[in-house]
């Protein structure tokens, strides 16, 4: 499907510099641009590619200053990154959607399947399950008894939703993710560890995306919650009874321990960890490998390090830390000189 630069500018509310009639039918990174493709420039470290790219159209921010010649038609928008995301969503929505139930799928007779769904081969849907309209279940998905999945949710291969769990509308669950496995609950006894039954569920609200091989554990009682609009990367671990607030994002290998409440609009970088039973305030940002071991009470805190401290304080501390060997030598030399001075003063007295 082809669109002209003029049509695209109309869709995104942009202004054109160059040929409004030039047409595109594909996307490409600006450094790999080809004729007939649309690219975008949001990070200025890629700005030099604008003057050599072969892409026919490039989205740029309104305040971007062109400093050379380019063959591409420019479309100026408020936010090039957000705009290309909008166009990619539009492009994806125009793809032909598969519908129907494969003959190799197993669906319990008591399950309810909505309209216009696609159920791939070797999908297993247990008794009492409810699947909403427009859902896509790729091969080898497993849905446990009495689980519910909302409308227009897509679940990729080998994902597992355990019994009684709830998944909302317009969600994406990537391959291998596990929703509702038992929380890690064991009571120490003289003879070892006795398993504490995990009788709760997981509730995933609308517009959530869960990355490949991410695990969200069911609660001991009640529910583990992943609230509306949350985005979880691959290999994230959400423990039992955690409550992840709306629109929070977590990068790969983040771990959140049991019964912790993470606020809304938080951002946790790769391999960040949050200890159990804490409260993390709204809009907290934690850099990669940050270890949050106590509750964060101040909204909008920016943290780094283990244990987590203020981001700017952390990097000032790192300047000192990397110089500790030299500082240690200086202190040792000062101590030596001080002892010599004391000895000399003692002799003179």
C-alpha atoms as a PDB file:
ATOM      1  CA  UNK A   1       0.000   0.000   0.000  1.00  0.00           C
ATOM      2  CA  UNK A   2       1.377   3.377  -1.041  1.00  0.00           C
ATOM      3  CA  UNK A   3       0.981   6.802   0.533  1.00  0.00           C
ATOM      4  CA  UNK A   4       2.197  10.165  -0.663  1.00  0.00           C
ATOM      5  CA  UNK A   5       4.081  12.571   1.579  1.00  0.00           C
ATOM      6  CA  UNK A   6       1.039  14.853   1.380  1.00  0.00           C
ATOM      7  CA  UNK A   7      -1.250  12.085   2.653  1.00  0.00           C
ATOM      8  CA  UNK A   8       1.111  11.214   5.492  1.00  0.00           C
ATOM      9  CA  UNK A   9       1.430  14.874   6.499  1.00  0.00           C
ATOM     10  CA  UNK A  10      -2.353  15.044   6.638  1.00  0.00           C
ATOM     11  CA  UNK A  11      -2.553  11.973   8.866  1.00  0.00           C
ATOM     12  CA  UNK A  12       0.062  13.199  11.357  1.00  0.00           C
ATOM     13  CA  UNK A  13      -0.628  16.934  11.147  1.00  0.00           C
ATOM     14  CA  UNK A  14       2.832  17.767   9.793  1.00  0.00           C
ATOM     15  CA  UNK A  15       4.237  20.310   7.364  1.00  0.00           C
ATOM     16  CA  UNK A  16       6.148  19.343   4.214  1.00  0.00           C
ATOM     17  CA  UNK A  17       9.529  20.506   2.936  1.00  0.00           C
ATOM     18  CA  UNK A  18      10.210  19.022  -0.486  1.00  0.00           C
ATOM     19  CA  UNK A  19       8.116  17.055  -2.941  1.00  0.00           C
ATOM     20  CA  UNK A  20       4.606  16.430  -1.533  1.00  0.00           C
ATOM     21  CA  UNK A  21       3.842  13.891  -4.290  1.00  0.00           C
ATOM     22  CA  UNK A  22       6.682  11.470  -3.472  1.00  0.00           C
ATOM     23  CA  UNK A  23       5.290   8.069  -2.453  1.00  0.00           C
ATOM     24  CA  UNK A  24       6.376   5.502   0.138  1.00  0.00           C
ATOM     25  CA  UNK A  25       5.331   1.921   0.827  1.00  0.00           C
ATOM     26  CA  UNK A  26       7.698   0.774   3.576  1.00  0.00           C
ATOM     27  CA  UNK A  27       9.613   1.845   6.695  1.00  0.00           C
ATOM     28  CA  UNK A  28      13.405   1.934   7.151  1.00  0.00           C
ATOM     29  CA  UNK A  29      15.939   3.186   9.670  1.00  0.00           C
ATOM     30  CA  UNK A  30      17.449   6.439   8.469  1.00  0.00           C
ATOM     31  CA  UNK A  31      20.924   4.881   8.162  1.00  0.00           C
ATOM     32  CA  UNK A  32      19.493   2.041   6.037  1.00  0.00           C
ATOM     33  CA  UNK A  33      17.097   4.114   3.968  1.00  0.00           C
ATOM     34  CA  UNK A  34      15.928   3.012   0.527  1.00  0.00           C
ATOM     35  CA  UNK A  35      13.837   4.738  -2.156  1.00  0.00           C
ATOM     36  CA  UNK A  36      10.154   4.323  -1.362  1.00  0.00           C
ATOM     37  CA  UNK A  37      10.739   4.199   2.401  1.00  0.00           C
ATOM     38  CA  UNK A  38       9.862   6.557   5.224  1.00  0.00           C
ATOM     39  CA  UNK A  39      12.348   7.106   8.071  1.00  0.00           C
ATOM     40  CA  UNK A  40      12.500   9.328  11.128  1.00  0.00           C
ATOM     41  CA  UNK A  41      15.093  11.443  12.919  1.00  0.00           C
ATOM     42  CA  UNK A  42      14.576  11.937  16.647  1.00  0.00           C
ATOM     43  CA  UNK A  43      18.068  11.398  18.112  1.00  0.00           C
ATOM     44  CA  UNK A  44      20.520  14.058  16.979  1.00  0.00           C
ATOM     45  CA  UNK A  45      23.468  11.650  16.990  1.00  0.00           C
ATOM     46  CA  UNK A  46      21.925  10.230  13.795  1.00  0.00           C
ATOM     47  CA  UNK A  47      21.479  13.660  12.182  1.00  0.00           C
ATOM     48  CA  UNK A  48      24.377  13.199   9.737  1.00  0.00           C
ATOM     49  CA  UNK A  49      22.502  10.312   8.096  1.00  0.00           C
ATOM     50  CA  UNK A  50      19.854  12.744   6.874  1.00  0.00           C
ATOM     51  CA  UNK A  51      22.253  14.068   4.247  1.00  0.00           C
ATOM     52  CA  UNK A  52      23.082  10.643   2.831  1.00  0.00           C
ATOM     53  CA  UNK A  53      19.929   8.571   3.374  1.00  0.00           C
ATOM     54  CA  UNK A  54      18.119   7.157   0.352  1.00  0.00           C
ATOM     55  CA  UNK A  55      14.731   7.233   2.101  1.00  0.00           C
ATOM     56  CA  UNK A  56      12.109   9.185   0.191  1.00  0.00           C
ATOM     57  CA  UNK A  57      10.518  10.765   3.280  1.00  0.00           C
ATOM     58  CA  UNK A  58      11.956  11.573   6.705  1.00  0.00           C
ATOM     59  CA  UNK A  59      10.008  12.685   9.771  1.00  0.00           C
ATOM     60  CA  UNK A  60      11.839  15.381  11.774  1.00  0.00           C
ATOM     61  CA  UNK A  61      10.967  17.588  14.730  1.00  0.00           C
ATOM     62  CA  UNK A  62       9.663  21.059  13.989  1.00  0.00           C
ATOM     63  CA  UNK A  63      12.694  22.736  15.566  1.00  0.00           C
ATOM     64  CA  UNK A  64      15.264  20.666  13.646  1.00  0.00           C
ATOM     65  CA  UNK A  65      17.705  22.836  11.642  1.00  0.00           C
ATOM     66  CA  UNK A  66      18.808  21.449   8.301  1.00  0.00           C
ATOM     67  CA  UNK A  67      22.532  22.072   7.802  1.00  0.00           C
ATOM     68  CA  UNK A  68      23.137  20.461   4.419  1.00  0.00           C
ATOM     69  CA  UNK A  69      21.529  19.090   1.279  1.00  0.00           C
ATOM     70  CA  UNK A  70      19.184  16.120   1.400  1.00  0.00           C
ATOM     71  CA  UNK A  71      17.242  14.318  -1.298  1.00  0.00           C
ATOM     72  CA  UNK A  72      14.494  13.302   1.119  1.00  0.00           C
ATOM     73  CA  UNK A  73      11.192  15.101   1.543  1.00  0.00           C
ATOM     74  CA  UNK A  74      10.903  16.243   5.159  1.00  0.00           C
ATOM     75  CA  UNK A  75       7.727  16.174   7.217  1.00  0.00           C
ATOM     76  CA  UNK A  76       8.032  18.367  10.304  1.00  0.00           C
ATOM     77  CA  UNK A  77       6.059  17.234  13.367  1.00  0.00           C
ATOM     78  CA  UNK A  78       6.011  18.002  17.090  1.00  0.00           C
ATOM     79  CA  UNK A  79       7.635  14.687  18.034  1.00  0.00           C
ATOM     80  CA  UNK A  80       9.164  12.507  15.309  1.00  0.00           C
ATOM     81  CA  UNK A  81       9.514   9.459  17.569  1.00  0.00           C
ATOM     82  CA  UNK A  82       5.899   9.533  18.722  1.00  0.00           C
ATOM     83  CA  UNK A  83       4.725  10.184  15.171  1.00  0.00           C
ATOM     84  CA  UNK A  84       6.500   7.195  13.667  1.00  0.00           C
ATOM     85  CA  UNK A  85       5.004   5.059  16.456  1.00  0.00           C
ATOM     86  CA  UNK A  86       1.562   6.283  15.396  1.00  0.00           C
ATOM     87  CA  UNK A  87       2.275   5.453  11.745  1.00  0.00           C
ATOM     88  CA  UNK A  88       3.582   1.985  12.634  1.00  0.00           C
ATOM     89  CA  UNK A  89       0.404   1.316  14.615  1.00  0.00           C
ATOM     90  CA  UNK A  90      -1.663   2.437  11.629  1.00  0.00           C
ATOM     91  CA  UNK A  91       0.384   0.230   9.302  1.00  0.00           C
ATOM     92  CA  UNK A  92      -0.059  -2.779  11.577  1.00  0.00           C
ATOM     93  CA  UNK A  93      -3.793  -2.216  11.905  1.00  0.00           C
ATOM     94  CA  UNK A  94      -4.139  -2.370   8.114  1.00  0.00           C
ATOM     95  CA  UNK A  95      -2.632  -5.852   7.877  1.00  0.00           C
ATOM     96  CA  UNK A  96      -5.027  -8.694   7.119  1.00  0.00           C
ATOM     97  CA  UNK A  97      -6.058 -10.337  10.378  1.00  0.00           C
ATOM     98  CA  UNK A  98      -6.355 -14.120  10.568  1.00  0.00           C
ATOM     99  CA  UNK A  99      -9.567 -15.610  11.892  1.00  0.00           C
ATOM    100  CA  UNK A 100     -10.793 -19.133  12.504  1.00  0.00           C
ATOM    101  CA  UNK A 101     -10.030 -22.114  14.707  1.00  0.00           C
ATOM    102  CA  UNK A 102      -7.389 -24.577  13.578  1.00  0.00           C
ATOM    103  CA  UNK A 103      -8.471 -28.212  13.503  1.00  0.00           C
ATOM    104  CA  UNK A 104      -5.507 -29.143  15.724  1.00  0.00           C
ATOM    105  CA  UNK A 105      -6.531 -26.811  18.549  1.00  0.00           C
ATOM    106  CA  UNK A 106      -8.179 -28.296  21.665  1.00  0.00           C
ATOM    107  CA  UNK A 107     -11.048 -26.286  23.123  1.00  0.00           C
ATOM    108  CA  UNK A 108     -13.115 -27.658  25.982  1.00  0.00           C
ATOM    109  CA  UNK A 109     -16.815 -27.682  25.094  1.00  0.00           C
ATOM    110  CA  UNK A 110     -17.592 -25.444  28.084  1.00  0.00           C
ATOM    111  CA  UNK A 111     -15.233 -22.678  26.917  1.00  0.00           C
ATOM    112  CA  UNK A 112     -16.655 -19.541  25.306  1.00  0.00           C
ATOM    113  CA  UNK A 113     -14.843 -18.111  22.283  1.00  0.00           C
ATOM    114  CA  UNK A 114     -15.734 -14.620  21.017  1.00  0.00           C
ATOM    115  CA  UNK A 115     -16.283 -13.487  17.453  1.00  0.00           C
ATOM    116  CA  UNK A 116     -13.529 -13.076  14.861  1.00  0.00           C
ATOM    117  CA  UNK A 117     -10.859 -14.908  16.867  1.00  0.00           C
ATOM    118  CA  UNK A 118      -7.915 -16.885  15.562  1.00  0.00           C
ATOM    119  CA  UNK A 119      -6.985 -20.026  17.509  1.00  0.00           C
ATOM    120  CA  UNK A 120      -3.816 -21.636  16.162  1.00  0.00           C
ATOM    121  CA  UNK A 121      -2.755 -25.287  16.088  1.00  0.00           C
ATOM    122  CA  UNK A 122      -2.038 -27.044  19.405  1.00  0.00           C
ATOM    123  CA  UNK A 123      -3.637 -24.291  21.465  1.00  0.00           C
ATOM    124  CA  UNK A 124      -5.180 -25.808  24.618  1.00  0.00           C
ATOM    125  CA  UNK A 125      -8.171 -24.061  26.194  1.00  0.00           C
ATOM    126  CA  UNK A 126      -9.520 -25.653  29.376  1.00  0.00           C
ATOM    127  CA  UNK A 127     -13.005 -25.811  30.866  1.00  0.00           C
ATOM    128  CA  UNK A 128     -14.795 -22.590  31.758  1.00  0.00           C
ATOM    129  CA  UNK A 129     -12.432 -20.319  29.849  1.00  0.00           C
ATOM    130  CA  UNK A 130     -13.795 -17.141  28.268  1.00  0.00           C
ATOM    131  CA  UNK A 131     -12.016 -15.571  25.284  1.00  0.00           C
ATOM    132  CA  UNK A 132     -13.227 -12.174  24.060  1.00  0.00           C
ATOM    133  CA  UNK A 133     -13.851 -10.966  20.513  1.00  0.00           C
ATOM    134  CA  UNK A 134     -11.004 -10.467  18.059  1.00  0.00           C
ATOM    135  CA  UNK A 135      -8.359 -12.360  20.032  1.00  0.00           C
ATOM    136  CA  UNK A 136      -5.368 -14.053  18.411  1.00  0.00           C
ATOM    137  CA  UNK A 137      -3.875 -17.131  20.073  1.00  0.00           C
ATOM    138  CA  UNK A 138      -0.756 -18.403  18.335  1.00  0.00           C
ATOM    139  CA  UNK A 139       0.264 -22.094  18.311  1.00  0.00           C
ATOM    140  CA  UNK A 140       0.900 -23.876  21.620  1.00  0.00           C
ATOM    141  CA  UNK A 141      -0.765 -21.280  23.851  1.00  0.00           C
ATOM    142  CA  UNK A 142      -2.268 -22.803  27.012  1.00  0.00           C
ATOM    143  CA  UNK A 143      -5.202 -21.248  28.876  1.00  0.00           C
ATOM    144  CA  UNK A 144      -6.078 -22.838  32.243  1.00  0.00           C
ATOM    145  CA  UNK A 145      -9.551 -23.512  33.584  1.00  0.00           C
ATOM    146  CA  UNK A 146     -11.882 -20.585  34.260  1.00  0.00           C
ATOM    147  CA  UNK A 147      -9.349 -18.017  33.012  1.00  0.00           C
ATOM    148  CA  UNK A 148     -10.711 -14.990  31.179  1.00  0.00           C
ATOM    149  CA  UNK A 149      -9.177 -13.023  28.301  1.00  0.00           C
ATOM    150  CA  UNK A 150     -10.675  -9.735  27.095  1.00  0.00           C
ATOM    151  CA  UNK A 151     -11.273  -8.449  23.574  1.00  0.00           C
ATOM    152  CA  UNK A 152      -8.562  -7.931  20.932  1.00  0.00           C
ATOM    153  CA  UNK A 153      -5.780  -9.492  22.967  1.00  0.00           C
ATOM    154  CA  UNK A 154      -2.918 -11.297  21.200  1.00  0.00           C
ATOM    155  CA  UNK A 155      -1.065 -14.167  22.877  1.00  0.00           C
ATOM    156  CA  UNK A 156       2.065 -15.559  21.257  1.00  0.00           C
ATOM    157  CA  UNK A 157       3.329 -19.134  21.130  1.00  0.00           C
ATOM    158  CA  UNK A 158       4.029 -21.087  24.312  1.00  0.00           C
ATOM    159  CA  UNK A 159       2.574 -18.452  26.606  1.00  0.00           C
ATOM    160  CA  UNK A 160       0.691 -19.945  29.562  1.00  0.00           C
ATOM    161  CA  UNK A 161      -2.187 -18.418  31.507  1.00  0.00           C
ATOM    162  CA  UNK A 162      -2.897 -20.448  34.630  1.00  0.00           C
ATOM    163  CA  UNK A 163      -6.339 -21.221  36.021  1.00  0.00           C
ATOM    164  CA  UNK A 164      -8.671 -18.409  37.126  1.00  0.00           C
ATOM    165  CA  UNK A 165      -6.387 -15.578  36.008  1.00  0.00           C
ATOM    166  CA  UNK A 166      -7.718 -12.484  34.236  1.00  0.00           C
ATOM    167  CA  UNK A 167      -6.298 -10.707  31.186  1.00  0.00           C
ATOM    168  CA  UNK A 168      -7.904  -7.491  29.927  1.00  0.00           C
ATOM    169  CA  UNK A 169      -8.642  -5.941  26.545  1.00  0.00           C
ATOM    170  CA  UNK A 170      -6.048  -4.977  23.920  1.00  0.00           C
ATOM    171  CA  UNK A 171      -3.171  -6.774  25.646  1.00  0.00           C
ATOM    172  CA  UNK A 172      -0.121  -8.398  24.065  1.00  0.00           C
ATOM    173  CA  UNK A 173       1.493 -11.408  25.748  1.00  0.00           C
ATOM    174  CA  UNK A 174       4.709 -12.457  24.068  1.00  0.00           C
ATOM    175  CA  UNK A 175       6.116 -15.953  23.611  1.00  0.00           C
ATOM    176  CA  UNK A 176       6.859 -17.987  26.682  1.00  0.00           C
ATOM    177  CA  UNK A 177       5.435 -15.625  29.272  1.00  0.00           C
ATOM    178  CA  UNK A 178       3.778 -17.263  32.274  1.00  0.00           C
ATOM    179  CA  UNK A 179       0.816 -15.674  34.011  1.00  0.00           C
ATOM    180  CA  UNK A 180      -0.249 -17.146  37.341  1.00  0.00           C
ATOM    181  CA  UNK A 181       2.433 -19.622  38.349  1.00  0.00           C
ATOM    182  CA  UNK A 182       2.633 -20.132  42.119  1.00  0.00           C
ATOM    183  CA  UNK A 183       4.202 -17.381  44.162  1.00  0.00           C
ATOM    184  CA  UNK A 184       7.447 -18.310  45.904  1.00  0.00           C
ATOM    185  CA  UNK A 185       5.940 -19.077  49.295  1.00  0.00           C
ATOM    186  CA  UNK A 186       7.527 -21.605  51.671  1.00  0.00           C
ATOM    187  CA  UNK A 187       7.490 -21.883  55.456  1.00  0.00           C
ATOM    188  CA  UNK A 188      10.713 -23.172  57.091  1.00  0.00           C
ATOM    189  CA  UNK A 189      10.244 -26.197  59.362  1.00  0.00           C
ATOM    190  CA  UNK A 190      12.536 -28.673  61.119  1.00  0.00           C
ATOM    191  CA  UNK A 191      12.208 -31.004  58.144  1.00  0.00           C
ATOM    192  CA  UNK A 192      12.712 -28.442  55.391  1.00  0.00           C
ATOM    193  CA  UNK A 193      10.412 -25.997  53.646  1.00  0.00           C
ATOM    194  CA  UNK A 194       6.668 -26.484  53.633  1.00  0.00           C
ATOM    195  CA  UNK A 195       4.854 -25.098  50.616  1.00  0.00           C
ATOM    196  CA  UNK A 196       2.285 -22.367  51.304  1.00  0.00           C
ATOM    197  CA  UNK A 197      -0.632 -22.851  48.889  1.00  0.00           C
ATOM    198  CA  UNK A 198      -1.039 -19.926  46.506  1.00  0.00           C
ATOM    199  CA  UNK A 199      -4.805 -19.695  46.118  1.00  0.00           C
ATOM    200  CA  UNK A 200      -5.036 -16.219  44.583  1.00  0.00           C
ATOM    201  CA  UNK A 201      -4.901 -15.115  40.943  1.00  0.00           C
ATOM    202  CA  UNK A 202      -3.270 -12.605  38.590  1.00  0.00           C
ATOM    203  CA  UNK A 203      -5.268  -9.692  37.194  1.00  0.00           C
ATOM    204  CA  UNK A 204      -3.888  -7.952  34.110  1.00  0.00           C
ATOM    205  CA  UNK A 205      -5.835  -4.851  33.138  1.00  0.00           C
ATOM    206  CA  UNK A 206      -6.326  -3.318  29.670  1.00  0.00           C
ATOM    207  CA  UNK A 207      -3.593  -2.234  27.221  1.00  0.00           C
ATOM    208  CA  UNK A 208      -0.796  -4.149  28.939  1.00  0.00           C
ATOM    209  CA  UNK A 209       2.165  -5.623  27.034  1.00  0.00           C
ATOM    210  CA  UNK A 210       4.205  -8.426  28.572  1.00  0.00           C
ATOM    211  CA  UNK A 211       7.547  -9.461  27.096  1.00  0.00           C
ATOM    212  CA  UNK A 212       8.850 -12.895  26.204  1.00  0.00           C
ATOM    213  CA  UNK A 213       9.593 -15.241  29.120  1.00  0.00           C
ATOM    214  CA  UNK A 214       8.324 -12.770  31.692  1.00  0.00           C
ATOM    215  CA  UNK A 215       6.666 -14.329  34.758  1.00  0.00           C
ATOM    216  CA  UNK A 216       3.887 -12.865  36.886  1.00  0.00           C
ATOM    217  CA  UNK A 217       3.124 -14.995  39.939  1.00  0.00           C
ATOM    218  CA  UNK A 218      -0.325 -15.577  41.387  1.00  0.00           C
ATOM    219  CA  UNK A 219      -0.998 -14.205  44.856  1.00  0.00           C
ATOM    220  CA  UNK A 220      -1.128 -16.160  48.073  1.00  0.00           C
ATOM    221  CA  UNK A 221      -4.620 -14.730  48.547  1.00  0.00           C
ATOM    222  CA  UNK A 222      -6.452 -12.072  46.559  1.00  0.00           C
ATOM    223  CA  UNK A 223      -4.680 -10.999  43.370  1.00  0.00           C
ATOM    224  CA  UNK A 224      -1.395  -9.876  41.923  1.00  0.00           C
ATOM    225  CA  UNK A 225      -2.193  -6.781  39.825  1.00  0.00           C
ATOM    226  CA  UNK A 226      -0.681  -5.391  36.646  1.00  0.00           C
ATOM    227  CA  UNK A 227      -2.618  -2.219  36.052  1.00  0.00           C
ATOM    228  CA  UNK A 228      -3.749  -0.483  32.873  1.00  0.00           C
ATOM    229  CA  UNK A 229      -1.116   0.460  30.318  1.00  0.00           C
ATOM    230  CA  UNK A 230       1.840  -1.262  32.001  1.00  0.00           C
ATOM    231  CA  UNK A 231       4.668  -2.368  29.681  1.00  0.00           C
ATOM    232  CA  UNK A 232       6.988  -5.151  30.807  1.00  0.00           C
ATOM    233  CA  UNK A 233      10.079  -6.150  28.842  1.00  0.00           C
ATOM    234  CA  UNK A 234      11.416  -9.685  28.408  1.00  0.00           C
ATOM    235  CA  UNK A 235      12.557 -11.731  31.423  1.00  0.00           C
ATOM    236  CA  UNK A 236      10.848  -9.612  34.071  1.00  0.00           C
ATOM    237  CA  UNK A 237       9.791 -11.274  37.360  1.00  0.00           C
ATOM    238  CA  UNK A 238       6.738  -9.971  39.226  1.00  0.00           C
ATOM    239  CA  UNK A 239       6.248 -11.850  42.498  1.00  0.00           C
ATOM    240  CA  UNK A 240       3.073 -12.752  44.395  1.00  0.00           C
ATOM    241  CA  UNK A 241       0.758 -10.029  45.665  1.00  0.00           C
ATOM    242  CA  UNK A 242       2.655  -7.261  43.851  1.00  0.00           C
ATOM    243  CA  UNK A 243       0.621  -4.320  42.528  1.00  0.00           C
ATOM    244  CA  UNK A 244       2.177  -2.576  39.516  1.00  0.00           C
ATOM    245  CA  UNK A 245       0.616   0.848  38.959  1.00  0.00           C
ATOM    246  CA  UNK A 246      -0.806   2.233  35.727  1.00  0.00           C
ATOM    247  CA  UNK A 247       1.556   3.028  32.846  1.00  0.00           C
ATOM    248  CA  UNK A 248       4.667   1.822  34.638  1.00  0.00           C
ATOM    249  CA  UNK A 249       7.419   0.392  32.423  1.00  0.00           C
ATOM    250  CA  UNK A 250      10.124  -2.133  33.330  1.00  0.00           C
ATOM    251  CA  UNK A 251      13.137  -3.107  31.238  1.00  0.00           C
ATOM    252  CA  UNK A 252      14.579  -6.590  30.890  1.00  0.00           C
ATOM    253  CA  UNK A 253      15.468  -8.635  33.991  1.00  0.00           C
ATOM    254  CA  UNK A 254      13.768  -6.357  36.489  1.00  0.00           C
ATOM    255  CA  UNK A 255      12.633  -8.231  39.597  1.00  0.00           C
ATOM    256  CA  UNK A 256       9.946  -7.084  42.029  1.00  0.00           C
ATOM    257  CA  UNK A 257       9.640  -9.085  45.260  1.00  0.00           C
ATOM    258  CA  UNK A 258       6.409 -10.089  46.946  1.00  0.00           C
ATOM    259  CA  UNK A 259       3.729  -7.738  48.287  1.00  0.00           C
ATOM    260  CA  UNK A 260       5.419  -4.611  46.916  1.00  0.00           C
ATOM    261  CA  UNK A 261       3.298  -1.794  45.533  1.00  0.00           C
ATOM    262  CA  UNK A 262       4.880   0.037  42.587  1.00  0.00           C
ATOM    263  CA  UNK A 263       3.273   3.386  41.750  1.00  0.00           C
ATOM    264  CA  UNK A 264       1.990   4.817  38.488  1.00  0.00           C
ATOM    265  CA  UNK A 265       4.218   6.018  35.632  1.00  0.00           C
ATOM    266  CA  UNK A 266       7.360   4.513  37.170  1.00  0.00           C
ATOM    267  CA  UNK A 267      10.371   3.535  35.044  1.00  0.00           C
ATOM    268  CA  UNK A 268      12.699   0.720  36.123  1.00  0.00           C
ATOM    269  CA  UNK A 269      15.858   0.111  34.099  1.00  0.00           C
ATOM    270  CA  UNK A 270      17.366  -3.248  33.219  1.00  0.00           C
ATOM    271  CA  UNK A 271      18.174  -5.568  36.144  1.00  0.00           C
ATOM    272  CA  UNK A 272      16.763  -3.178  38.721  1.00  0.00           C
ATOM    273  CA  UNK A 273      15.423  -4.946  41.795  1.00  0.00           C
ATOM    274  CA  UNK A 274      12.804  -4.020  44.381  1.00  0.00           C
ATOM    275  CA  UNK A 275      12.738  -5.741  47.774  1.00  0.00           C
ATOM    276  CA  UNK A 276       9.622  -7.238  49.312  1.00  0.00           C
ATOM    277  CA  UNK A 277       6.826  -5.387  51.055  1.00  0.00           C
ATOM    278  CA  UNK A 278       7.829  -1.904  49.880  1.00  0.00           C
ATOM    279  CA  UNK A 279       5.924   1.027  48.440  1.00  0.00           C
ATOM    280  CA  UNK A 280       7.434   2.873  45.468  1.00  0.00           C
ATOM    281  CA  UNK A 281       6.003   6.342  44.839  1.00  0.00           C
ATOM    282  CA  UNK A 282       4.488   7.430  41.538  1.00  0.00           C
ATOM    283  CA  UNK A 283       6.872   8.456  38.733  1.00  0.00           C
ATOM    284  CA  UNK A 284       9.941   6.959  40.390  1.00  0.00           C
ATOM    285  CA  UNK A 285      12.802   6.337  37.963  1.00  0.00           C
ATOM    286  CA  UNK A 286      15.407   3.704  38.785  1.00  0.00           C
ATOM    287  CA  UNK A 287      18.475   3.274  36.586  1.00  0.00           C
ATOM    288  CA  UNK A 288      19.891  -0.058  35.455  1.00  0.00           C
ATOM    289  CA  UNK A 289      20.966  -2.427  38.276  1.00  0.00           C
ATOM    290  CA  UNK A 290      19.455  -0.187  40.952  1.00  0.00           C
ATOM    291  CA  UNK A 291      18.547  -2.019  44.166  1.00  0.00           C
ATOM    292  CA  UNK A 292      15.576  -0.517  45.979  1.00  0.00           C
ATOM    293  CA  UNK A 293      15.734  -1.899  49.530  1.00  0.00           C
ATOM    294  CA  UNK A 294      13.467   0.607  51.317  1.00  0.00           C
ATOM    295  CA  UNK A 295      10.238   2.362  50.383  1.00  0.00           C
ATOM    296  CA  UNK A 296      10.433   5.369  48.067  1.00  0.00           C
ATOM    297  CA  UNK A 297       8.150   8.078  49.454  1.00  0.00           C
ATOM    298  CA  UNK A 298       9.013  11.060  47.254  1.00  0.00           C
ATOM    299  CA  UNK A 299       7.187  11.175  43.923  1.00  0.00           C
ATOM    300  CA  UNK A 300       9.414  11.628  40.890  1.00  0.00           C
ATOM    301  CA  UNK A 301      12.570  10.388  42.626  1.00  0.00           C
ATOM    302  CA  UNK A 302      15.440   9.465  40.283  1.00  0.00           C
ATOM    303  CA  UNK A 303      17.550   6.681  41.760  1.00  0.00           C
ATOM    304  CA  UNK A 304      20.711   4.734  41.025  1.00  0.00           C
ATOM    305  CA  UNK A 305      22.975   2.299  42.850  1.00  0.00           C
ATOM    306  CA  UNK A 306      22.700  -0.419  45.489  1.00  0.00           C
ATOM    307  CA  UNK A 307      21.258   0.518  47.883  1.00  0.00           C
ATOM    308  CA  UNK A 308      19.402   3.082  45.807  1.00  0.00           C
ATOM    309  CA  UNK A 309      20.327   6.737  46.364  1.00  0.00           C
ATOM    310  CA  UNK A 310      19.663   9.964  44.493  1.00  0.00           C
ATOM    311  CA  UNK A 311      20.911   9.704  40.896  1.00  0.00           C
ATOM    312  CA  UNK A 312      23.137  12.807  41.010  1.00  0.00           C
ATOM    313  CA  UNK A 313      24.536  11.823  44.413  1.00  0.00           C
ATOM    314  CA  UNK A 314      25.335   8.372  43.039  1.00  0.00           C
ATOM    315  CA  UNK A 315      27.430   9.699  40.176  1.00  0.00           C
ATOM    316  CA  UNK A 316      29.230  12.202  42.427  1.00  0.00           C
ATOM    317  CA  UNK A 317      29.980   9.275  44.736  1.00  0.00           C
ATOM    318  CA  UNK A 318      31.267   7.209  41.805  1.00  0.00           C
ATOM    319  CA  UNK A 319      33.851   9.903  41.041  1.00  0.00           C
ATOM    320  CA  UNK A 320      35.166   9.446  44.583  1.00  0.00           C
ATOM    321  CA  UNK A 321      34.872   5.648  44.447  1.00  0.00           C
ATOM    322  CA  UNK A 322      36.997   5.204  41.344  1.00  0.00           C
ATOM    323  CA  UNK A 323      39.710   7.357  42.945  1.00  0.00           C
ATOM    324  CA  UNK A 324      39.733   5.435  46.256  1.00  0.00           C
ATOM    325  CA  UNK A 325      43.052   3.615  45.579  1.00  0.00           C
ATOM    326  CA  UNK A 326      44.853   6.937  45.033  1.00  0.00           C
ATOM    327  CA  UNK A 327      43.075   8.544  47.984  1.00  0.00           C
ATOM    328  CA  UNK A 328      44.111   5.597  50.172  1.00  0.00           C
ATOM    329  CA  UNK A 329      47.749   6.084  49.173  1.00  0.00           C
ATOM    330  CA  UNK A 330      47.515   9.797  49.955  1.00  0.00           C
ATOM    331  CA  UNK A 331      45.987   9.130  53.387  1.00  0.00           C
ATOM    332  CA  UNK A 332      48.664   6.521  54.155  1.00  0.00           C
ATOM    333  CA  UNK A 333      51.384   9.003  53.176  1.00  0.00           C
ATOM    334  CA  UNK A 334      49.801  11.752  55.289  1.00  0.00           C
ATOM    335  CA  UNK A 335      49.600   9.397  58.281  1.00  0.00           C
ATOM    336  CA  UNK A 336      53.261   8.484  57.834  1.00  0.00           C
ATOM    337  CA  UNK A 337      54.298  12.135  57.623  1.00  0.00           C
ATOM    338  CA  UNK A 338      52.160  12.969  60.681  1.00  0.00           C
ATOM    339  CA  UNK A 339      53.821  10.232  62.757  1.00  0.00           C
ATOM    340  CA  UNK A 340      57.244  11.462  61.669  1.00  0.00           C
ATOM    341  CA  UNK A 341      56.288  15.003  62.613  1.00  0.00           C
ATOM    342  CA  UNK A 342      55.018  13.870  66.038  1.00  0.00           C
ATOM    343  CA  UNK A 343      58.241  11.971  66.659  1.00  0.00           C
ATOM    344  CA  UNK A 344      60.351  14.988  65.694  1.00  0.00           C
ATOM    345  CA  UNK A 345      58.359  17.322  67.950  1.00  0.00           C
ATOM    346  CA  UNK A 346      58.719  14.863  70.840  1.00  0.00           C
ATOM    347  CA  UNK A 347      62.533  14.773  70.458  1.00  0.00           C
ATOM    348  CA  UNK A 348      62.755  18.584  70.283  1.00  0.00           C
ATOM    349  CA  UNK A 349      60.663  18.997  73.417  1.00  0.00           C
END
